[in-house]
Amino acid sequence: PAILLVGSAGLAQPRAARLQQQKPMPKPVLTIVGSVNPVSREQLKRLQREGAGFLLVTAADLLADEAAWQNPLAQKQAELRQMLATHSNVAVATPGNREEVQAMVRQGEALGISVQELAHRIAARTTHVAKAVLQEGPKPSVAGVVVTGGDMAQAMLSHLGVTGIDLLDEVSPGIPVGLLCGTSVGGLRVVTK
């Protein structure tokens, strides 16, 4: 419902200014970047240049054993909550340039982690950082989620217990936008790339 201010301009102007200040801040958009595609990585850099919050899930995080991962996980979730409270866009990403990925694969193999297991771990741990934050409270703390990388999208949907996506449209040809279904974050907008 609209508000109609009546009375002297001397009273209406300060009241209008106060109403403007009381406007709720729009919810941020969370982008999860798991793709090593150069276009996706350039888009991540652009987000960073435009002031998006940025959280890196490091190679050390991804290679740590499960017990050693718990403390960094809690720290990253706290950092993500803080960023979502102060930024209009926040990106969570994995190492993405070819040299970093190759070094991580070599380190993983030295630890007995196969390439397939490492790929699964990257997707699982990165989406796990976002999962707790997305499922807090009765409504998600974000306006929507953008996910790049097929493994990352599959892991996010699985970890959130999503049963489907109600497709709405395409952002660009082949890049769908829809609403998540069948979960505590049901109705949340998602773009997969």
Protein backbone atom coordinates (compact mmCIF):
# COMPACT_ATOMS: atom_id res chain seq x y z
CA PRO A 1 0.00 0.00 0.00
CA ALA A 2 1.20 3.48 -0.93
CA ILE A 3 1.60 6.14 1.72
CA LEU A 4 0.17 9.60 1.13
CA LEU A 5 1.88 12.25 3.24
CA VAL A 6 -0.26 15.26 4.12
CA GLY A 7 0.47 18.40 6.06
CA SER A 8 3.12 21.06 5.78
CA ALA A 9 6.10 20.56 3.49
CA GLY A 10 8.35 21.12 6.50
CA LEU A 11 7.03 17.89 8.03
CA ALA A 12 6.56 15.93 4.84
CA GLN A 13 10.12 16.32 3.54
CA PRO A 14 11.88 14.85 6.62
CA ARG A 15 9.29 12.06 6.80
CA ALA A 16 9.76 11.21 3.12
CA ALA A 17 13.53 11.11 3.63
CA ARG A 18 13.09 8.75 6.57
CA LEU A 19 10.80 6.47 4.56
CA GLN A 20 13.44 6.35 1.83
CA GLN A 21 16.06 5.28 4.40
CA GLN A 22 13.77 2.51 5.65
CA LYS A 23 13.62 0.81 2.24
CA PRO A 24 14.91 -2.73 2.66
CA MET A 25 18.17 -3.50 0.92
CA PRO A 26 17.71 -5.92 -1.97
CA LYS A 27 18.99 -9.40 -1.30
CA PRO A 28 22.36 -10.23 -2.86
CA VAL A 29 23.01 -12.72 -5.64
CA LEU A 30 25.35 -15.61 -4.88
CA THR A 31 27.52 -16.90 -7.72
CA ILE A 32 29.31 -20.23 -7.36
CA VAL A 33 32.08 -20.61 -9.91
CA GLY A 34 33.38 -24.11 -10.45
CA SER A 35 33.97 -23.95 -14.17
CA VAL A 36 37.51 -23.51 -15.43
CA ASN A 37 36.15 -22.20 -18.74
CA PRO A 38 38.01 -18.97 -19.60
CA VAL A 39 34.73 -17.12 -20.27
CA SER A 40 33.40 -18.05 -16.82
CA ARG A 41 36.67 -16.99 -15.22
CA GLU A 42 36.63 -13.65 -17.05
CA GLN A 43 33.06 -13.11 -15.83
CA LEU A 44 34.28 -13.82 -12.28
CA LYS A 45 37.01 -11.21 -12.68
CA ARG A 46 34.43 -8.72 -13.90
CA LEU A 47 32.27 -9.37 -10.84
CA GLN A 48 35.30 -8.72 -8.65
CA ARG A 49 36.14 -5.47 -10.51
CA GLU A 50 32.55 -4.36 -9.95
CA GLY A 51 32.91 -4.82 -6.19
CA ALA A 52 31.43 -8.26 -5.57
CA GLY A 53 32.49 -10.05 -2.43
CA PHE A 54 34.88 -12.88 -3.26
CA LEU A 55 35.55 -16.08 -1.35
CA LEU A 56 38.08 -18.60 -2.63
CA VAL A 57 37.88 -22.25 -1.65
CA THR A 58 41.62 -22.90 -1.87
CA ALA A 59 43.55 -25.92 -3.06
CA ALA A 60 44.55 -26.57 0.57
CA ASP A 61 40.85 -26.59 1.54
CA LEU A 62 40.05 -28.99 -1.26
CA LEU A 63 42.93 -31.35 -0.56
CA ALA A 64 42.56 -31.47 3.24
CA ASP A 65 41.17 -34.62 4.82
CA GLU A 66 37.62 -34.46 6.14
CA ALA A 67 38.59 -33.66 9.75
CA ALA A 68 41.00 -30.90 8.71
CA TRP A 69 38.35 -29.42 6.40
CA GLN A 70 35.83 -28.72 9.19
CA ASN A 71 37.53 -25.62 10.63
CA PRO A 72 38.09 -23.90 7.24
CA LEU A 73 34.51 -24.80 6.31
CA ALA A 74 33.12 -23.01 9.38
CA GLN A 75 35.38 -20.00 8.73
CA LYS A 76 34.33 -19.78 5.08
CA GLN A 77 30.64 -20.02 5.99
CA ALA A 78 31.09 -17.16 8.49
CA GLU A 79 32.94 -15.11 5.86
CA LEU A 80 30.18 -15.80 3.34
CA ARG A 81 27.47 -14.68 5.79
CA GLN A 82 29.37 -11.44 6.38
CA MET A 83 29.86 -10.81 2.67
CA LEU A 84 26.18 -11.45 1.93
CA ALA A 85 25.28 -8.84 4.55
CA THR A 86 27.52 -6.19 2.99
CA HIS A 87 27.63 -6.84 -0.78
CA SER A 88 25.02 -6.91 -3.54
CA ASN A 89 26.88 -9.76 -5.25
CA VAL A 90 29.10 -12.44 -3.77
CA ALA A 91 31.12 -15.06 -5.61
CA VAL A 92 32.43 -18.33 -4.17
CA ALA A 93 35.04 -19.89 -6.44
CA THR A 94 37.62 -22.63 -6.76
CA PRO A 95 41.11 -22.25 -8.20
CA GLY A 96 40.54 -21.75 -11.90
CA ASN A 97 43.59 -21.17 -14.01
CA ARG A 98 45.13 -24.13 -15.77
CA GLU A 99 48.38 -24.10 -13.75
CA GLU A 100 46.54 -24.03 -10.40
CA VAL A 101 44.29 -26.89 -11.43
CA GLN A 102 47.17 -28.99 -12.74
CA ALA A 103 49.16 -28.39 -9.53
CA MET A 104 46.12 -29.37 -7.46
CA VAL A 105 45.69 -32.58 -9.46
CA ARG A 106 49.36 -33.47 -8.93
CA GLN A 107 49.09 -32.75 -5.19
CA GLY A 108 45.91 -34.81 -5.01
CA GLU A 109 47.51 -37.76 -6.76
CA ALA A 110 50.46 -37.57 -4.34
CA LEU A 111 47.91 -37.84 -1.51
CA GLY A 112 46.17 -40.79 -3.19
CA ILE A 113 43.20 -38.74 -4.42
CA SER A 114 42.15 -39.69 -7.96
CA VAL A 115 41.17 -37.04 -10.49
CA GLN A 116 37.53 -38.22 -10.30
CA GLU A 117 37.53 -38.10 -6.50
CA LEU A 118 39.12 -34.64 -6.58
CA ALA A 119 36.49 -33.37 -9.03
CA HIS A 120 33.76 -34.69 -6.74
CA ARG A 121 35.46 -33.16 -3.67
CA ILE A 122 35.82 -29.76 -5.36
CA ALA A 123 32.12 -29.61 -6.18
CA ALA A 124 30.98 -31.02 -2.83
CA ARG A 125 33.11 -28.77 -0.63
CA THR A 126 32.46 -25.61 -2.59
CA THR A 127 28.70 -26.09 -2.54
CA HIS A 128 28.85 -27.13 1.14
CA VAL A 129 30.20 -23.64 1.95
CA ALA A 130 27.03 -22.15 0.47
CA LYS A 131 24.56 -24.81 1.65
CA ALA A 132 24.32 -23.80 5.31
CA VAL A 133 23.96 -20.14 4.41
CA LEU A 134 21.26 -20.85 1.83
CA GLN A 135 19.27 -23.00 4.24
CA GLU A 136 19.35 -20.64 7.23
CA GLY A 137 16.07 -19.19 8.36
CA PRO A 138 12.65 -19.57 6.82
CA LYS A 139 13.72 -17.85 3.58
CA PRO A 140 17.06 -17.84 1.76
CA SER A 141 19.31 -14.85 2.43
CA VAL A 142 19.92 -14.37 -1.30
CA ALA A 143 17.78 -13.29 -4.24
CA GLY A 144 19.17 -16.05 -6.38
CA VAL A 145 22.10 -18.30 -7.19
CA VAL A 146 24.20 -18.50 -10.34
CA VAL A 147 26.21 -21.71 -10.72
CA THR A 148 28.88 -22.37 -13.34
CA GLY A 149 30.24 -25.81 -14.08
CA GLY A 150 28.16 -28.94 -14.54
CA ASP A 151 29.68 -30.83 -11.60
CA MET A 152 29.17 -27.79 -9.39
CA ALA A 153 25.53 -27.36 -10.42
CA GLN A 154 24.81 -31.05 -9.88
CA ALA A 155 26.49 -31.01 -6.45
CA MET A 156 24.61 -27.88 -5.36
CA LEU A 157 21.24 -29.28 -6.40
CA SER A 158 22.00 -32.59 -4.71
CA HIS A 159 23.27 -31.05 -1.45
CA LEU A 160 20.21 -28.82 -1.21
CA GLY A 161 17.83 -31.72 -1.81
CA VAL A 162 16.37 -30.12 -4.92
CA THR A 163 13.85 -32.32 -6.71
CA GLY A 164 13.62 -30.19 -9.84
CA ILE A 165 13.88 -26.80 -11.42
CA ASP A 166 10.80 -25.01 -12.70
CA LEU A 167 12.23 -23.40 -15.84
CA LEU A 168 11.16 -19.81 -16.38
CA ASP A 169 13.25 -18.52 -19.25
CA GLU A 170 16.77 -18.26 -20.61
CA VAL A 171 19.21 -15.52 -19.63
CA SER A 172 20.94 -16.21 -22.97
CA PRO A 173 20.53 -19.13 -25.36
CA GLY A 174 21.43 -22.31 -23.45
CA ILE A 175 21.64 -20.58 -20.05
CA PRO A 176 18.39 -21.34 -18.21
CA VAL A 177 16.86 -19.52 -15.25
CA GLY A 178 14.35 -21.23 -13.05
CA LEU A 179 13.01 -21.77 -9.55
CA LEU A 180 14.30 -24.55 -7.30
CA CYS A 181 11.66 -27.09 -6.26
CA GLY A 182 11.15 -29.50 -3.37
CA THR A 183 13.52 -28.15 -0.74
CA SER A 184 13.86 -25.65 2.08
CA VAL A 185 15.09 -23.21 -0.56
CA GLY A 186 12.16 -23.93 -2.89
CA GLY A 187 11.28 -20.92 -4.98
CA LEU A 188 14.85 -19.63 -5.03
CA ARG A 189 15.92 -18.42 -8.47
CA VAL A 190 18.81 -20.29 -10.06
CA VAL A 191 20.82 -19.77 -13.22
CA THR A 192 23.06 -22.60 -14.40
CA LYS A 193 25.82 -22.19 -16.92
